N, C-alpha and C. Protein backbone atom coordinates (compact mmCIF):
# COMPACT_ATOMS: atom_id res chain seq x y z
N MET A 1 0.85 -1.17 0.00
CA MET A 1 0.00 0.00 0.00
C MET A 1 0.90 1.24 0.00
N PHE A 2 0.49 2.25 -0.73
CA PHE A 2 1.25 3.49 -0.83
C PHE A 2 0.40 4.66 -0.35
N ILE A 3 1.06 5.62 0.34
CA ILE A 3 0.39 6.84 0.77
C ILE A 3 1.29 8.02 0.45
N THR A 4 0.71 9.20 0.39
CA THR A 4 1.48 10.41 0.11
C THR A 4 1.60 11.22 1.40
N VAL A 5 2.87 11.44 1.84
CA VAL A 5 3.14 12.22 3.06
C VAL A 5 4.40 13.06 2.84
N ASP A 6 4.65 14.00 3.78
CA ASP A 6 5.87 14.82 3.71
C ASP A 6 7.08 14.00 4.09
N CYS A 7 8.15 14.09 3.28
CA CYS A 7 9.41 13.41 3.58
C CYS A 7 10.38 14.45 4.16
N PRO A 8 10.94 14.21 5.38
CA PRO A 8 11.87 15.17 5.98
C PRO A 8 13.20 15.27 5.22
N GLU A 9 13.58 14.22 4.51
CA GLU A 9 14.83 14.24 3.74
C GLU A 9 14.65 14.98 2.41
N CYS A 10 13.58 14.66 1.69
CA CYS A 10 13.33 15.29 0.38
C CYS A 10 12.78 16.71 0.53
N LYS A 11 12.26 17.04 1.72
CA LYS A 11 11.63 18.34 1.98
C LYS A 11 10.48 18.60 1.01
N ASP A 12 9.74 17.52 0.71
CA ASP A 12 8.62 17.61 -0.21
C ASP A 12 7.61 16.50 0.11
N GLU A 13 6.41 16.64 -0.41
CA GLU A 13 5.41 15.60 -0.27
C GLU A 13 5.67 14.56 -1.34
N THR A 14 5.95 13.32 -0.90
CA THR A 14 6.27 12.26 -1.85
C THR A 14 5.47 11.00 -1.54
N GLU A 15 5.53 10.07 -2.46
CA GLU A 15 4.84 8.80 -2.26
C GLU A 15 5.70 7.92 -1.36
N HIS A 16 5.05 7.28 -0.38
CA HIS A 16 5.73 6.40 0.56
C HIS A 16 5.07 5.03 0.55
N GLU A 17 5.90 3.99 0.69
CA GLU A 17 5.38 2.64 0.81
C GLU A 17 5.18 2.32 2.29
N VAL A 18 4.03 1.74 2.62
CA VAL A 18 3.78 1.35 4.00
C VAL A 18 4.50 0.02 4.23
N VAL A 19 5.50 0.06 5.15
CA VAL A 19 6.31 -1.12 5.45
C VAL A 19 5.66 -1.94 6.57
N ALA A 20 5.19 -1.26 7.62
CA ALA A 20 4.53 -1.93 8.75
C ALA A 20 3.33 -1.09 9.16
N ASP A 21 2.25 -1.79 9.50
CA ASP A 21 1.00 -1.10 9.84
C ASP A 21 0.49 -1.62 11.18
N SER A 22 0.85 -0.92 12.27
CA SER A 22 0.36 -1.32 13.59
C SER A 22 -0.22 -0.09 14.28
N ARG A 23 0.21 0.20 15.53
CA ARG A 23 -0.31 1.39 16.22
C ARG A 23 0.02 2.65 15.43
N ASP A 24 1.20 2.70 14.86
CA ASP A 24 1.54 3.76 13.91
C ASP A 24 2.12 3.09 12.67
N ARG A 25 2.26 3.83 11.60
CA ARG A 25 2.73 3.24 10.33
C ARG A 25 4.21 3.52 10.13
N LEU A 26 4.95 2.48 9.75
CA LEU A 26 6.34 2.66 9.33
C LEU A 26 6.30 2.75 7.81
N VAL A 27 6.78 3.89 7.27
CA VAL A 27 6.73 4.11 5.82
C VAL A 27 8.13 4.40 5.29
N ARG A 28 8.33 4.06 4.00
CA ARG A 28 9.61 4.30 3.32
C ARG A 28 9.37 5.16 2.11
N CYS A 29 10.13 6.25 1.99
CA CYS A 29 10.02 7.15 0.86
C CYS A 29 10.48 6.43 -0.41
N THR A 30 9.67 6.50 -1.47
CA THR A 30 10.03 5.83 -2.72
C THR A 30 11.06 6.62 -3.51
N VAL A 31 11.34 7.89 -3.10
CA VAL A 31 12.32 8.72 -3.81
C VAL A 31 13.71 8.54 -3.19
N CYS A 32 13.82 8.75 -1.86
CA CYS A 32 15.14 8.72 -1.22
C CYS A 32 15.36 7.49 -0.33
N GLY A 33 14.32 6.73 -0.02
CA GLY A 33 14.45 5.53 0.81
C GLY A 33 14.41 5.79 2.31
N HIS A 34 14.19 7.03 2.73
CA HIS A 34 14.14 7.37 4.16
C HIS A 34 12.93 6.70 4.82
N HIS A 35 13.18 6.11 6.03
CA HIS A 35 12.11 5.49 6.81
C HIS A 35 11.64 6.46 7.89
N GLN A 36 10.32 6.46 8.16
CA GLN A 36 9.80 7.28 9.26
C GLN A 36 8.49 6.66 9.77
N HIS A 37 8.14 7.01 11.01
CA HIS A 37 6.88 6.56 11.61
C HIS A 37 5.84 7.67 11.44
N ILE A 38 4.67 7.29 10.97
CA ILE A 38 3.56 8.22 10.78
C ILE A 38 2.44 7.78 11.72
N PRO A 39 1.93 8.70 12.58
CA PRO A 39 0.82 8.30 13.46
C PRO A 39 -0.43 7.97 12.63
N ARG A 40 -1.15 6.95 13.09
CA ARG A 40 -2.38 6.56 12.38
C ARG A 40 -3.45 7.61 12.63
N GLU A 41 -4.30 7.81 11.62
CA GLU A 41 -5.42 8.71 11.79
C GLU A 41 -6.38 8.07 12.79
N ARG A 42 -6.81 8.84 13.76
CA ARG A 42 -7.73 8.35 14.78
C ARG A 42 -9.13 8.27 14.19
N GLU A 43 -9.72 7.09 14.26
CA GLU A 43 -11.07 6.94 13.75
C GLU A 43 -12.05 7.49 14.78
N PRO A 44 -13.07 8.24 14.32
CA PRO A 44 -14.03 8.80 15.28
C PRO A 44 -14.76 7.68 16.02
N GLN A 45 -14.93 7.88 17.31
CA GLN A 45 -15.65 6.92 18.14
C GLN A 45 -17.14 7.09 17.93
N SER A 46 -17.87 5.98 18.01
CA SER A 46 -19.31 6.10 17.92
C SER A 46 -19.88 6.21 19.33
N ILE A 47 -20.95 6.97 19.45
CA ILE A 47 -21.61 7.19 20.73
C ILE A 47 -23.03 6.67 20.61
N LEU A 48 -23.43 5.80 21.54
CA LEU A 48 -24.79 5.28 21.55
C LEU A 48 -25.58 6.06 22.59
N VAL A 49 -26.69 6.65 22.16
CA VAL A 49 -27.51 7.47 23.04
C VAL A 49 -28.83 6.76 23.30
N LYS A 50 -29.19 6.66 24.59
CA LYS A 50 -30.46 6.06 24.98
C LYS A 50 -31.60 6.87 24.37
N THR A 51 -32.56 6.16 23.78
CA THR A 51 -33.66 6.80 23.06
C THR A 51 -34.99 6.18 23.45
N ILE A 52 -35.95 7.02 23.78
CA ILE A 52 -37.31 6.56 24.03
C ILE A 52 -38.08 6.77 22.72
N VAL A 53 -38.60 5.68 22.17
CA VAL A 53 -39.33 5.73 20.90
C VAL A 53 -40.82 5.56 21.19
N SER A 54 -41.62 6.59 20.91
CA SER A 54 -43.07 6.53 21.10
C SER A 54 -43.72 6.17 19.78
N ARG A 55 -44.59 5.19 19.86
CA ARG A 55 -45.31 4.75 18.67
C ARG A 55 -46.77 4.53 19.05
N GLU A 56 -47.60 5.54 18.79
CA GLU A 56 -49.04 5.50 19.00
C GLU A 56 -49.43 4.85 20.32
N GLY A 57 -49.07 5.48 21.42
CA GLY A 57 -49.51 5.03 22.73
C GLY A 57 -48.57 4.08 23.45
N THR A 58 -47.58 3.55 22.76
CA THR A 58 -46.60 2.68 23.42
C THR A 58 -45.22 3.30 23.30
N SER A 59 -44.39 3.01 24.28
CA SER A 59 -43.02 3.52 24.27
C SER A 59 -42.05 2.36 24.37
N MET A 60 -40.94 2.49 23.65
CA MET A 60 -39.90 1.47 23.66
C MET A 60 -38.57 2.16 23.92
N VAL A 61 -37.65 1.44 24.53
CA VAL A 61 -36.32 1.98 24.78
C VAL A 61 -35.38 1.43 23.72
N GLY A 62 -34.66 2.32 23.07
CA GLY A 62 -33.73 1.92 22.03
C GLY A 62 -32.47 2.76 22.07
N LEU A 63 -31.73 2.74 20.97
CA LEU A 63 -30.47 3.47 20.86
C LEU A 63 -30.37 4.16 19.50
N ILE A 64 -29.72 5.32 19.50
CA ILE A 64 -29.35 5.98 18.25
C ILE A 64 -27.84 6.16 18.29
N GLU A 65 -27.19 5.82 17.19
CA GLU A 65 -25.73 5.92 17.12
C GLU A 65 -25.33 7.24 16.48
N PHE A 66 -24.41 7.94 17.14
CA PHE A 66 -23.85 9.19 16.63
C PHE A 66 -22.34 9.04 16.51
N ALA A 67 -21.74 9.80 15.62
CA ALA A 67 -20.28 9.88 15.56
C ALA A 67 -19.82 10.90 16.59
N GLU A 68 -18.61 10.73 17.07
CA GLU A 68 -18.04 11.65 18.05
C GLU A 68 -18.08 13.07 17.48
N GLY A 69 -18.59 14.01 18.25
CA GLY A 69 -18.66 15.40 17.82
C GLY A 69 -19.95 15.78 17.12
N ASP A 70 -20.81 14.80 16.81
CA ASP A 70 -22.09 15.10 16.17
C ASP A 70 -22.97 15.93 17.10
N GLU A 71 -23.84 16.74 16.50
CA GLU A 71 -24.78 17.54 17.26
C GLU A 71 -26.18 17.11 16.86
N CYS A 72 -27.09 17.11 17.83
CA CYS A 72 -28.47 16.70 17.59
C CYS A 72 -29.40 17.87 17.89
N PHE A 73 -30.44 18.04 17.09
CA PHE A 73 -31.40 19.12 17.24
C PHE A 73 -32.80 18.53 17.40
N VAL A 74 -33.69 19.24 18.12
CA VAL A 74 -35.09 18.88 18.16
C VAL A 74 -35.62 18.98 16.72
N ASP A 75 -36.46 18.06 16.32
CA ASP A 75 -37.04 17.92 14.97
C ASP A 75 -36.13 17.22 13.98
N ASP A 76 -34.92 16.79 14.39
CA ASP A 76 -34.07 15.99 13.50
C ASP A 76 -34.76 14.66 13.20
N HIS A 77 -34.55 14.15 11.99
CA HIS A 77 -35.06 12.84 11.62
C HIS A 77 -33.89 11.88 11.64
N LEU A 78 -34.01 10.82 12.45
CA LEU A 78 -32.92 9.86 12.66
C LEU A 78 -33.47 8.44 12.59
N VAL A 79 -32.58 7.46 12.74
CA VAL A 79 -32.98 6.06 12.79
C VAL A 79 -32.64 5.51 14.17
N ALA A 80 -33.65 4.99 14.86
CA ALA A 80 -33.46 4.41 16.19
C ALA A 80 -33.54 2.89 16.08
N GLU A 81 -32.68 2.21 16.82
CA GLU A 81 -32.69 0.75 16.85
C GLU A 81 -33.27 0.29 18.17
N VAL A 82 -34.32 -0.53 18.09
CA VAL A 82 -34.95 -1.13 19.26
C VAL A 82 -34.87 -2.63 19.06
N GLY A 83 -33.96 -3.28 19.77
CA GLY A 83 -33.73 -4.71 19.55
C GLY A 83 -33.23 -4.92 18.12
N ASP A 84 -33.93 -5.77 17.37
CA ASP A 84 -33.55 -6.04 15.98
C ASP A 84 -34.28 -5.14 14.99
N GLU A 85 -35.18 -4.29 15.48
CA GLU A 85 -35.99 -3.41 14.63
C GLU A 85 -35.35 -2.03 14.51
N ALA A 86 -35.57 -1.39 13.37
CA ALA A 86 -35.12 -0.01 13.16
C ALA A 86 -36.34 0.84 12.81
N TYR A 87 -36.41 2.05 13.39
CA TYR A 87 -37.55 2.94 13.18
C TYR A 87 -37.06 4.31 12.74
N GLY A 88 -37.75 4.89 11.77
CA GLY A 88 -37.52 6.28 11.42
C GLY A 88 -38.21 7.12 12.48
N VAL A 89 -37.46 8.02 13.13
CA VAL A 89 -38.03 8.81 14.23
C VAL A 89 -37.73 10.29 14.06
N GLU A 90 -38.52 11.10 14.75
CA GLU A 90 -38.30 12.54 14.82
C GLU A 90 -38.02 12.87 16.28
N VAL A 91 -36.97 13.64 16.53
CA VAL A 91 -36.61 14.01 17.89
C VAL A 91 -37.60 15.05 18.39
N SER A 92 -38.28 14.74 19.51
CA SER A 92 -39.23 15.70 20.07
C SER A 92 -38.67 16.41 21.29
N SER A 93 -37.66 15.80 21.95
CA SER A 93 -37.06 16.44 23.11
C SER A 93 -35.67 15.86 23.35
N ILE A 94 -34.77 16.71 23.83
CA ILE A 94 -33.40 16.29 24.15
C ILE A 94 -33.16 16.55 25.63
N GLU A 95 -32.77 15.51 26.34
CA GLU A 95 -32.51 15.61 27.78
C GLU A 95 -31.00 15.55 28.03
N CYS A 96 -30.49 16.58 28.68
CA CYS A 96 -29.08 16.63 29.07
C CYS A 96 -29.04 16.77 30.59
N GLY A 97 -28.82 15.66 31.28
CA GLY A 97 -28.88 15.69 32.74
C GLY A 97 -30.30 15.96 33.18
N GLU A 98 -30.50 17.06 33.91
CA GLU A 98 -31.83 17.43 34.41
C GLU A 98 -32.54 18.42 33.50
N LYS A 99 -31.87 18.89 32.43
CA LYS A 99 -32.43 19.94 31.57
C LYS A 99 -32.93 19.38 30.25
N ARG A 100 -33.93 20.06 29.68
CA ARG A 100 -34.38 19.80 28.31
C ARG A 100 -33.87 20.94 27.46
N VAL A 101 -33.23 20.60 26.33
CA VAL A 101 -32.62 21.61 25.47
C VAL A 101 -33.08 21.41 24.03
N GLN A 102 -32.84 22.43 23.19
CA GLN A 102 -33.22 22.36 21.77
C GLN A 102 -32.16 21.69 20.91
N ARG A 103 -30.89 21.73 21.38
CA ARG A 103 -29.80 21.07 20.65
C ARG A 103 -28.70 20.73 21.64
N ALA A 104 -27.90 19.71 21.28
CA ALA A 104 -26.81 19.30 22.17
C ALA A 104 -25.81 18.44 21.40
N LYS A 105 -24.58 18.44 21.88
CA LYS A 105 -23.56 17.52 21.35
C LYS A 105 -23.94 16.12 21.82
N ALA A 106 -23.71 15.12 20.98
CA ALA A 106 -24.11 13.75 21.28
C ALA A 106 -23.54 13.24 22.60
N ASN A 107 -22.30 13.61 22.93
CA ASN A 107 -21.69 13.09 24.15
C ASN A 107 -22.26 13.71 25.42
N THR A 108 -23.10 14.75 25.32
CA THR A 108 -23.71 15.36 26.50
C THR A 108 -25.17 14.94 26.70
N ILE A 109 -25.71 14.18 25.75
CA ILE A 109 -27.13 13.81 25.80
C ILE A 109 -27.34 12.62 26.73
N THR A 110 -28.30 12.76 27.64
CA THR A 110 -28.67 11.68 28.55
C THR A 110 -29.70 10.78 27.88
N THR A 111 -30.77 11.39 27.34
CA THR A 111 -31.85 10.65 26.70
C THR A 111 -32.46 11.48 25.57
N LEU A 112 -32.77 10.81 24.47
CA LEU A 112 -33.53 11.44 23.38
C LEU A 112 -34.96 10.93 23.45
N TRP A 113 -35.91 11.83 23.35
CA TRP A 113 -37.33 11.47 23.31
C TRP A 113 -37.78 11.65 21.87
N THR A 114 -38.31 10.58 21.28
CA THR A 114 -38.65 10.60 19.85
C THR A 114 -40.03 10.00 19.63
N ARG A 115 -40.52 10.19 18.41
CA ARG A 115 -41.75 9.53 17.97
C ARG A 115 -41.52 9.00 16.57
N THR A 116 -42.14 7.86 16.26
CA THR A 116 -41.95 7.26 14.94
C THR A 116 -42.61 8.12 13.87
N ILE A 117 -41.98 8.18 12.72
CA ILE A 117 -42.56 8.92 11.60
C ILE A 117 -42.63 8.07 10.34
N ASP A 118 -42.10 6.84 10.39
CA ASP A 118 -42.15 5.99 9.20
C ASP A 118 -43.56 5.44 9.00
N GLN A 119 -44.22 5.00 10.06
CA GLN A 119 -45.62 4.57 10.02
C GLN A 119 -46.34 5.32 11.13
N VAL A 120 -47.43 6.02 10.80
CA VAL A 120 -48.17 6.80 11.79
C VAL A 120 -49.66 6.50 11.70
N VAL A 121 -50.35 6.82 12.79
CA VAL A 121 -51.81 6.73 12.79
C VAL A 121 -52.32 8.17 12.79
N VAL A 122 -53.06 8.53 11.74
CA VAL A 122 -53.61 9.87 11.61
C VAL A 122 -55.01 9.86 12.21
N LYS A 123 -55.25 10.82 13.11
CA LYS A 123 -56.58 10.95 13.74
C LYS A 123 -57.43 11.88 12.88
N ILE A 124 -58.67 11.44 12.62
CA ILE A 124 -59.56 12.18 11.74
C ILE A 124 -60.89 12.41 12.45
N SER A 125 -61.41 13.62 12.39
CA SER A 125 -62.74 13.93 12.92
C SER A 125 -63.61 14.36 11.75
N VAL A 126 -64.64 13.56 11.46
CA VAL A 126 -65.53 13.84 10.34
C VAL A 126 -66.89 14.25 10.88
N HIS A 127 -67.36 15.44 10.47
CA HIS A 127 -68.65 15.96 10.92
C HIS A 127 -69.68 15.67 9.83
N ASP A 128 -70.84 15.13 10.24
CA ASP A 128 -71.87 14.80 9.25
C ASP A 128 -73.11 15.68 9.38
N GLY A 129 -72.99 16.81 10.08
CA GLY A 129 -74.13 17.70 10.25
C GLY A 129 -74.67 17.63 11.67
N ARG A 130 -74.70 16.45 12.25
CA ARG A 130 -75.18 16.29 13.63
C ARG A 130 -74.10 15.72 14.55
N ASN A 131 -73.37 14.78 14.05
CA ASN A 131 -72.39 14.06 14.87
C ASN A 131 -70.99 14.23 14.31
N THR A 132 -70.02 14.04 15.20
CA THR A 132 -68.64 14.00 14.77
C THR A 132 -68.17 12.56 14.91
N ILE A 133 -67.67 12.00 13.83
CA ILE A 133 -67.26 10.60 13.80
C ILE A 133 -65.72 10.55 13.90
N PRO A 134 -65.18 9.86 14.91
CA PRO A 134 -63.73 9.72 15.00
C PRO A 134 -63.24 8.55 14.12
N LEU A 135 -62.23 8.81 13.33
CA LEU A 135 -61.65 7.78 12.47
C LEU A 135 -60.13 7.75 12.71
N TYR A 136 -59.54 6.60 12.44
CA TYR A 136 -58.09 6.45 12.58
C TYR A 136 -57.58 5.76 11.33
N MET A 137 -56.52 6.32 10.76
CA MET A 137 -55.97 5.77 9.53
C MET A 137 -54.47 5.55 9.69
N GLU A 138 -54.05 4.30 9.57
CA GLU A 138 -52.62 4.01 9.63
C GLU A 138 -52.06 4.17 8.22
N CYS A 139 -50.97 4.95 8.12
CA CYS A 139 -50.39 5.19 6.80
C CYS A 139 -48.89 5.49 6.94
N ASP A 140 -48.23 5.56 5.82
CA ASP A 140 -46.83 5.94 5.77
C ASP A 140 -46.69 7.39 6.22
N GLY A 141 -45.66 7.72 6.97
CA GLY A 141 -45.45 9.07 7.48
C GLY A 141 -45.29 10.12 6.41
N GLU A 142 -44.96 9.72 5.19
CA GLU A 142 -44.75 10.66 4.09
C GLU A 142 -45.99 10.81 3.20
N THR A 143 -47.11 10.17 3.56
CA THR A 143 -48.35 10.29 2.79
C THR A 143 -48.85 11.73 2.87
N GLU A 144 -49.22 12.29 1.71
CA GLU A 144 -49.71 13.67 1.67
C GLU A 144 -51.22 13.74 1.83
N PHE A 145 -51.65 14.77 2.57
CA PHE A 145 -53.07 15.09 2.71
C PHE A 145 -53.24 16.55 2.34
N ALA A 146 -54.34 16.87 1.63
CA ALA A 146 -54.56 18.25 1.17
C ALA A 146 -55.97 18.73 1.54
N VAL A 147 -56.05 19.98 1.92
CA VAL A 147 -57.34 20.61 2.22
C VAL A 147 -58.15 20.63 0.92
N GLY A 148 -59.41 20.19 1.03
CA GLY A 148 -60.29 20.17 -0.14
C GLY A 148 -60.32 18.83 -0.87
N GLU A 149 -59.40 17.94 -0.57
CA GLU A 149 -59.36 16.62 -1.22
C GLU A 149 -60.35 15.67 -0.55
N ARG A 150 -60.80 14.68 -1.31
CA ARG A 150 -61.75 13.68 -0.80
C ARG A 150 -61.00 12.39 -0.49
N TYR A 151 -61.40 11.74 0.61
CA TYR A 151 -60.77 10.50 1.05
C TYR A 151 -61.84 9.53 1.53
N VAL A 152 -61.47 8.25 1.61
CA VAL A 152 -62.36 7.22 2.16
C VAL A 152 -61.56 6.47 3.23
N VAL A 153 -62.13 6.44 4.47
CA VAL A 153 -61.52 5.69 5.57
C VAL A 153 -62.64 4.91 6.23
N ASP A 154 -62.43 3.61 6.41
CA ASP A 154 -63.44 2.73 7.02
C ASP A 154 -64.80 2.89 6.35
N ALA A 155 -64.83 2.93 5.03
CA ALA A 155 -66.05 3.04 4.21
C ALA A 155 -66.79 4.36 4.43
N LYS A 156 -66.13 5.35 5.00
CA LYS A 156 -66.73 6.67 5.19
C LYS A 156 -66.02 7.67 4.29
N ARG A 157 -66.80 8.30 3.41
CA ARG A 157 -66.24 9.28 2.47
C ARG A 157 -66.30 10.65 3.11
N PHE A 158 -65.24 11.42 2.97
CA PHE A 158 -65.24 12.77 3.54
C PHE A 158 -64.29 13.66 2.74
N LYS A 159 -64.50 14.96 2.92
CA LYS A 159 -63.66 15.97 2.28
C LYS A 159 -62.97 16.73 3.40
N ILE A 160 -61.66 16.95 3.29
CA ILE A 160 -60.90 17.64 4.33
C ILE A 160 -61.22 19.13 4.32
N SER A 161 -61.63 19.64 5.51
CA SER A 161 -61.91 21.08 5.63
C SER A 161 -60.70 21.83 6.19
N HIS A 162 -59.95 21.19 7.11
CA HIS A 162 -58.72 21.79 7.60
C HIS A 162 -57.83 20.74 8.28
N LEU A 163 -56.56 21.09 8.40
CA LEU A 163 -55.54 20.22 8.98
C LEU A 163 -54.90 20.92 10.16
N LYS A 164 -54.86 20.26 11.30
CA LYS A 164 -54.18 20.80 12.48
C LYS A 164 -52.80 20.15 12.53
N LEU A 165 -51.75 21.00 12.52
CA LEU A 165 -50.38 20.49 12.54
C LEU A 165 -49.87 20.33 13.96
N ARG A 166 -48.90 19.45 14.16
CA ARG A 166 -48.33 19.19 15.48
C ARG A 166 -47.65 20.43 16.05
N ASP A 167 -47.04 21.24 15.18
CA ASP A 167 -46.32 22.41 15.67
C ASP A 167 -47.21 23.65 15.76
N GLY A 168 -48.54 23.47 15.72
CA GLY A 168 -49.43 24.58 16.03
C GLY A 168 -50.37 25.08 14.96
N PRO A 169 -49.90 25.46 13.77
CA PRO A 169 -50.79 26.12 12.81
C PRO A 169 -51.95 25.24 12.33
N LEU A 170 -52.99 25.91 11.88
CA LEU A 170 -54.16 25.27 11.31
C LEU A 170 -54.18 25.62 9.83
N MET A 171 -54.25 24.61 8.97
CA MET A 171 -54.26 24.85 7.52
C MET A 171 -55.70 24.76 7.03
N ARG A 172 -56.23 25.87 6.50
CA ARG A 172 -57.63 25.92 6.06
C ARG A 172 -57.78 26.20 4.56
N LYS A 173 -56.74 26.73 3.95
CA LYS A 173 -56.85 27.16 2.56
C LYS A 173 -56.90 25.97 1.60
N GLU A 174 -57.86 26.01 0.70
CA GLU A 174 -58.04 24.97 -0.31
C GLU A 174 -56.73 24.72 -1.06
N GLY A 175 -56.32 23.44 -1.13
CA GLY A 175 -55.11 23.07 -1.86
C GLY A 175 -53.86 22.98 -0.99
N TRP A 176 -53.88 23.56 0.20
CA TRP A 176 -52.72 23.45 1.09
C TRP A 176 -52.58 22.00 1.50
N LYS A 177 -51.32 21.53 1.55
CA LYS A 177 -51.12 20.13 1.90
C LYS A 177 -49.90 19.96 2.80
N THR A 178 -49.88 18.81 3.45
CA THR A 178 -48.76 18.46 4.32
C THR A 178 -48.66 16.94 4.37
N ILE A 179 -47.61 16.46 5.03
CA ILE A 179 -47.41 15.01 5.13
C ILE A 179 -47.90 14.49 6.48
N ALA A 180 -48.25 13.22 6.51
CA ALA A 180 -48.94 12.61 7.65
C ALA A 180 -48.23 12.78 8.98
N HIS A 181 -46.91 12.64 9.04
CA HIS A 181 -46.24 12.69 10.35
C HIS A 181 -46.24 14.08 10.95
N ARG A 182 -46.62 15.11 10.20
CA ARG A 182 -46.72 16.48 10.74
C ARG A 182 -48.12 16.79 11.25
N ILE A 183 -49.09 15.91 10.97
CA ILE A 183 -50.50 16.19 11.28
C ILE A 183 -50.86 15.73 12.70
N LYS A 184 -51.52 16.62 13.43
CA LYS A 184 -52.06 16.26 14.74
C LYS A 184 -53.48 15.70 14.57
N ARG A 185 -54.30 16.36 13.74
CA ARG A 185 -55.66 15.89 13.47
C ARG A 185 -56.14 16.45 12.14
N ILE A 186 -56.93 15.62 11.42
CA ILE A 186 -57.59 16.05 10.19
C ILE A 186 -59.06 16.28 10.51
N TYR A 187 -59.60 17.41 10.03
CA TYR A 187 -61.02 17.71 10.21
C TYR A 187 -61.66 17.70 8.83
N GLY A 188 -62.86 17.12 8.76
CA GLY A 188 -63.55 17.07 7.48
C GLY A 188 -65.04 16.94 7.68
N TYR A 189 -65.76 16.90 6.55
CA TYR A 189 -67.20 16.69 6.59
C TYR A 189 -67.58 15.63 5.58
N ARG A 190 -68.67 14.90 5.88
CA ARG A 190 -69.11 13.80 5.01
C ARG A 190 -69.41 14.31 3.63
N SER A 191 -69.07 13.50 2.64
CA SER A 191 -69.36 13.89 1.25
C SER A 191 -70.11 12.78 0.56
């Protein structure tokens, strides 16, 4: 194996042959034959952070792997491992010791609180003039829903009148759309 490093004899960057590869590398300059020890590049350590994964009423304890020096933010989309399963999750809270913060270096995080976004259950309230019918639809987290569109859930046809998002706003304008994992509740009327 050959690498390019500075040679103290040639006073230039030259190609070197790796003679021995252990804790550090013993290399020989292919131009002048000078031998020298080169420290090995330190590979970044991985950090496993305890993660609580919420999935529609149940919580599981898992892990998320970060590289040394990585930073995590609330609303980041990551992959959490729970046993042999992997889940796409969104970070809802970061715990560092006794405090909850909006962002933190991976090595300072005590626990990440997350919710699954790969498969979600969307809550729907359909009004038929007299009653409000609660419906639940399991779908992919990236499924789009739009105000004014017609849908069928559990043999009930309805048109979306507005969408309540998890982060607060209410979408009422015809044609506005969002993806399922951002929705807190869909409101509609029978059609």
